[in-house]
Amino acid sequence: MRTELVTTLKRQATELISDVERDKEPILITQHGLASAYLVDVESYELMQRRLAVLEGIARGEQAVAEGRVVSHAQAKSRLSRWLK
């Protein structure tokens, strides 16, 4: 992964954005020697957000199972049939 200084981002923002859009590779922005931000293209960011939403749903489901908040297949089918009509 490429790393750039925040001053480089300030001076060459258009070029860095073009690079990110073209290469689909994030750029780590550092400030005072520390990681500060990532510059990513919109398509990659939106894909990450969709994947994160799926993973959060899975985690909520696993938590529900661990807490015993489950229903039988027949109960689930009955509840869903009301929504699918």
N, C-alpha and C. Protein backbone atom coordinates (compact mmCIF):
# COMPACT_ATOMS: atom_id res chain seq x y z
N MET A 1 0.85 -1.18 0.00
CA MET A 1 0.00 0.00 0.00
C MET A 1 0.90 1.24 0.00
N ARG A 2 0.46 2.17 -0.74
CA ARG A 2 1.18 3.44 -0.86
C ARG A 2 0.89 4.34 0.33
N THR A 3 1.90 5.07 0.77
CA THR A 3 1.77 6.02 1.88
C THR A 3 2.21 7.39 1.40
N GLU A 4 1.43 8.40 1.76
CA GLU A 4 1.76 9.78 1.40
C GLU A 4 1.58 10.69 2.61
N LEU A 5 2.34 11.75 2.62
CA LEU A 5 2.22 12.76 3.66
C LEU A 5 0.97 13.61 3.43
N VAL A 6 0.43 14.15 4.49
CA VAL A 6 -0.74 15.02 4.35
C VAL A 6 -0.39 16.26 3.51
N THR A 7 0.85 16.70 3.59
CA THR A 7 1.25 17.85 2.77
C THR A 7 1.21 17.50 1.27
N THR A 8 1.53 16.25 0.95
CA THR A 8 1.43 15.81 -0.44
C THR A 8 -0.02 15.83 -0.89
N LEU A 9 -0.91 15.38 0.00
CA LEU A 9 -2.34 15.41 -0.32
C LEU A 9 -2.80 16.85 -0.56
N LYS A 10 -2.34 17.77 0.26
CA LYS A 10 -2.72 19.18 0.09
C LYS A 10 -2.24 19.72 -1.26
N ARG A 11 -1.04 19.37 -1.64
CA ARG A 11 -0.44 19.92 -2.87
C ARG A 11 -0.86 19.19 -4.14
N GLN A 12 -1.16 17.88 -4.01
CA GLN A 12 -1.40 17.07 -5.21
C GLN A 12 -2.69 16.28 -5.10
N ALA A 13 -3.70 16.87 -4.52
CA ALA A 13 -4.97 16.15 -4.29
C ALA A 13 -5.55 15.57 -5.58
N THR A 14 -5.60 16.34 -6.62
CA THR A 14 -6.18 15.88 -7.88
C THR A 14 -5.43 14.67 -8.43
N GLU A 15 -4.11 14.71 -8.39
CA GLU A 15 -3.30 13.60 -8.88
C GLU A 15 -3.51 12.35 -8.01
N LEU A 16 -3.53 12.52 -6.69
CA LEU A 16 -3.72 11.37 -5.80
C LEU A 16 -5.10 10.75 -5.99
N ILE A 17 -6.10 11.57 -6.16
CA ILE A 17 -7.46 11.06 -6.39
C ILE A 17 -7.50 10.29 -7.72
N SER A 18 -6.86 10.80 -8.74
CA SER A 18 -6.80 10.10 -10.03
C SER A 18 -6.10 8.75 -9.88
N ASP A 19 -5.02 8.73 -9.10
CA ASP A 19 -4.29 7.47 -8.87
C ASP A 19 -5.18 6.45 -8.16
N VAL A 20 -5.90 6.90 -7.15
CA VAL A 20 -6.77 6.00 -6.39
C VAL A 20 -7.89 5.46 -7.28
N GLU A 21 -8.48 6.32 -8.07
CA GLU A 21 -9.55 5.89 -8.97
C GLU A 21 -9.04 4.90 -10.01
N ARG A 22 -7.86 5.15 -10.53
CA ARG A 22 -7.29 4.28 -11.57
C ARG A 22 -6.83 2.94 -11.00
N ASP A 23 -6.08 2.98 -9.90
CA ASP A 23 -5.45 1.77 -9.36
C ASP A 23 -6.35 0.98 -8.41
N LYS A 24 -7.41 1.61 -7.92
CA LYS A 24 -8.29 0.97 -6.94
C LYS A 24 -7.51 0.50 -5.70
N GLU A 25 -6.45 1.21 -5.38
CA GLU A 25 -5.60 0.87 -4.24
C GLU A 25 -5.61 2.06 -3.27
N PRO A 26 -5.99 1.83 -2.01
CA PRO A 26 -6.04 2.94 -1.06
C PRO A 26 -4.65 3.55 -0.82
N ILE A 27 -4.65 4.79 -0.44
CA ILE A 27 -3.41 5.48 -0.06
C ILE A 27 -3.54 5.86 1.40
N LEU A 28 -2.53 5.48 2.19
CA LEU A 28 -2.50 5.85 3.60
C LEU A 28 -1.92 7.26 3.70
N ILE A 29 -2.64 8.13 4.36
CA ILE A 29 -2.18 9.51 4.56
C ILE A 29 -1.63 9.61 5.99
N THR A 30 -0.41 10.13 6.09
CA THR A 30 0.20 10.29 7.41
C THR A 30 0.36 11.77 7.75
N GLN A 31 0.30 12.02 9.04
CA GLN A 31 0.46 13.38 9.54
C GLN A 31 1.36 13.30 10.77
N HIS A 32 2.46 14.01 10.75
CA HIS A 32 3.44 13.99 11.84
C HIS A 32 3.93 12.57 12.09
N GLY A 33 4.08 11.80 11.01
CA GLY A 33 4.61 10.45 11.11
C GLY A 33 3.61 9.39 11.55
N LEU A 34 2.37 9.78 11.77
CA LEU A 34 1.34 8.84 12.22
C LEU A 34 0.25 8.68 11.17
N ALA A 35 -0.30 7.47 11.09
CA ALA A 35 -1.41 7.23 10.18
C ALA A 35 -2.56 8.15 10.55
N SER A 36 -3.13 8.80 9.56
CA SER A 36 -4.18 9.78 9.82
C SER A 36 -5.48 9.44 9.09
N ALA A 37 -5.37 8.94 7.86
CA ALA A 37 -6.57 8.67 7.06
C ALA A 37 -6.20 7.79 5.88
N TYR A 38 -7.22 7.20 5.28
CA TYR A 38 -7.05 6.47 4.03
C TYR A 38 -7.81 7.21 2.95
N LEU A 39 -7.22 7.26 1.79
CA LEU A 39 -7.88 7.83 0.62
C LEU A 39 -8.25 6.63 -0.27
N VAL A 40 -9.57 6.44 -0.47
CA VAL A 40 -10.04 5.31 -1.26
C VAL A 40 -11.03 5.81 -2.32
N ASP A 41 -11.15 5.03 -3.39
CA ASP A 41 -12.11 5.41 -4.43
C ASP A 41 -13.53 5.09 -3.96
N VAL A 42 -14.49 5.75 -4.52
CA VAL A 42 -15.89 5.64 -4.12
C VAL A 42 -16.40 4.22 -4.28
N GLU A 43 -16.12 3.59 -5.39
CA GLU A 43 -16.62 2.24 -5.64
C GLU A 43 -16.13 1.25 -4.57
N SER A 44 -14.85 1.31 -4.24
CA SER A 44 -14.29 0.42 -3.22
C SER A 44 -14.89 0.72 -1.85
N TYR A 45 -15.05 2.00 -1.55
CA TYR A 45 -15.64 2.38 -0.26
C TYR A 45 -17.07 1.85 -0.13
N GLU A 46 -17.86 2.02 -1.17
CA GLU A 46 -19.25 1.56 -1.13
C GLU A 46 -19.33 0.04 -1.02
N LEU A 47 -18.43 -0.68 -1.69
CA LEU A 47 -18.38 -2.13 -1.58
C LEU A 47 -18.03 -2.54 -0.15
N MET A 48 -17.07 -1.86 0.46
CA MET A 48 -16.71 -2.15 1.86
C MET A 48 -17.89 -1.91 2.79
N GLN A 49 -18.65 -0.85 2.54
CA GLN A 49 -19.81 -0.55 3.38
C GLN A 49 -20.87 -1.64 3.26
N ARG A 50 -21.11 -2.13 2.04
CA ARG A 50 -22.09 -3.21 1.85
C ARG A 50 -21.63 -4.48 2.54
N ARG A 51 -20.36 -4.80 2.41
CA ARG A 51 -19.82 -6.00 3.06
C ARG A 51 -19.89 -5.87 4.57
N LEU A 52 -19.60 -4.70 5.08
CA LEU A 52 -19.67 -4.47 6.53
C LEU A 52 -21.09 -4.64 7.03
N ALA A 53 -22.06 -4.18 6.27
CA ALA A 53 -23.47 -4.33 6.67
C ALA A 53 -23.85 -5.81 6.74
N VAL A 54 -23.37 -6.61 5.79
CA VAL A 54 -23.65 -8.05 5.82
C VAL A 54 -23.00 -8.68 7.05
N LEU A 55 -21.75 -8.34 7.30
CA LEU A 55 -21.05 -8.89 8.46
C LEU A 55 -21.72 -8.49 9.78
N GLU A 56 -22.21 -7.27 9.86
CA GLU A 56 -22.92 -6.83 11.06
C GLU A 56 -24.20 -7.62 11.25
N GLY A 57 -24.90 -7.92 10.17
CA GLY A 57 -26.10 -8.74 10.25
C GLY A 57 -25.79 -10.15 10.74
N ILE A 58 -24.70 -10.71 10.25
CA ILE A 58 -24.28 -12.04 10.71
C ILE A 58 -23.94 -12.00 12.19
N ALA A 59 -23.22 -10.98 12.61
CA ALA A 59 -22.85 -10.85 14.02
C ALA A 59 -24.08 -10.72 14.91
N ARG A 60 -25.08 -9.95 14.45
CA ARG A 60 -26.32 -9.83 15.23
C ARG A 60 -27.03 -11.17 15.33
N GLY A 61 -27.03 -11.93 14.24
CA GLY A 61 -27.63 -13.25 14.25
C GLY A 61 -26.92 -14.20 15.19
N GLU A 62 -25.59 -14.17 15.17
CA GLU A 62 -24.82 -15.02 16.08
C GLU A 62 -25.09 -14.65 17.53
N GLN A 63 -25.21 -13.35 17.80
CA GLN A 63 -25.50 -12.89 19.16
C GLN A 63 -26.89 -13.35 19.59
N ALA A 64 -27.85 -13.29 18.70
CA ALA A 64 -29.20 -13.73 19.01
C ALA A 64 -29.21 -15.22 19.35
N VAL A 65 -28.47 -16.01 18.59
CA VAL A 65 -28.39 -17.45 18.87
C VAL A 65 -27.74 -17.67 20.23
N ALA A 66 -26.66 -16.96 20.51
CA ALA A 66 -25.96 -17.11 21.79
C ALA A 66 -26.87 -16.74 22.97
N GLU A 67 -27.78 -15.79 22.75
CA GLU A 67 -28.70 -15.35 23.81
C GLU A 67 -29.98 -16.18 23.84
N GLY A 68 -30.09 -17.13 22.94
CA GLY A 68 -31.28 -17.98 22.91
C GLY A 68 -32.49 -17.35 22.26
N ARG A 69 -32.29 -16.26 21.55
CA ARG A 69 -33.40 -15.60 20.86
C ARG A 69 -33.58 -16.22 19.49
N VAL A 70 -34.15 -17.42 19.47
CA VAL A 70 -34.33 -18.17 18.23
C VAL A 70 -35.77 -18.67 18.14
N VAL A 71 -36.18 -19.01 16.93
CA VAL A 71 -37.51 -19.60 16.71
C VAL A 71 -37.32 -20.84 15.85
N SER A 72 -38.31 -21.69 15.86
CA SER A 72 -38.26 -22.89 15.03
C SER A 72 -38.44 -22.51 13.56
N HIS A 73 -38.15 -23.47 12.70
CA HIS A 73 -38.33 -23.24 11.27
C HIS A 73 -39.80 -22.93 10.96
N ALA A 74 -40.69 -23.68 11.58
CA ALA A 74 -42.13 -23.47 11.34
C ALA A 74 -42.56 -22.08 11.79
N GLN A 75 -42.07 -21.63 12.94
CA GLN A 75 -42.41 -20.29 13.42
C GLN A 75 -41.87 -19.21 12.48
N ALA A 76 -40.65 -19.38 12.03
CA ALA A 76 -40.05 -18.41 11.11
C ALA A 76 -40.82 -18.37 9.80
N LYS A 77 -41.19 -19.54 9.29
CA LYS A 77 -41.94 -19.62 8.04
C LYS A 77 -43.29 -18.93 8.19
N SER A 78 -43.94 -19.13 9.32
CA SER A 78 -45.24 -18.50 9.58
C SER A 78 -45.10 -16.97 9.63
N ARG A 79 -44.09 -16.51 10.34
CA ARG A 79 -43.88 -15.05 10.44
C ARG A 79 -43.56 -14.44 9.08
N LEU A 80 -42.72 -15.09 8.31
CA LEU A 80 -42.33 -14.56 7.01
C LEU A 80 -43.46 -14.62 5.99
N SER A 81 -44.32 -15.61 6.12
CA SER A 81 -45.43 -15.72 5.15
C SER A 81 -46.34 -14.50 5.21
N ARG A 82 -46.45 -13.90 6.38
CA ARG A 82 -47.26 -12.68 6.52
C ARG A 82 -46.63 -11.53 5.74
N TRP A 83 -45.34 -11.49 5.66
CA TRP A 83 -44.62 -10.41 4.96
C TRP A 83 -44.63 -10.63 3.47
N LEU A 84 -44.68 -11.87 3.05
CA LEU A 84 -44.53 -12.18 1.63
C LEU A 84 -45.85 -12.22 0.87
N LYS A 85 -46.94 -11.95 1.53
CA LYS A 85 -48.24 -11.98 0.87
C LYS A 85 -48.46 -10.75 0.05
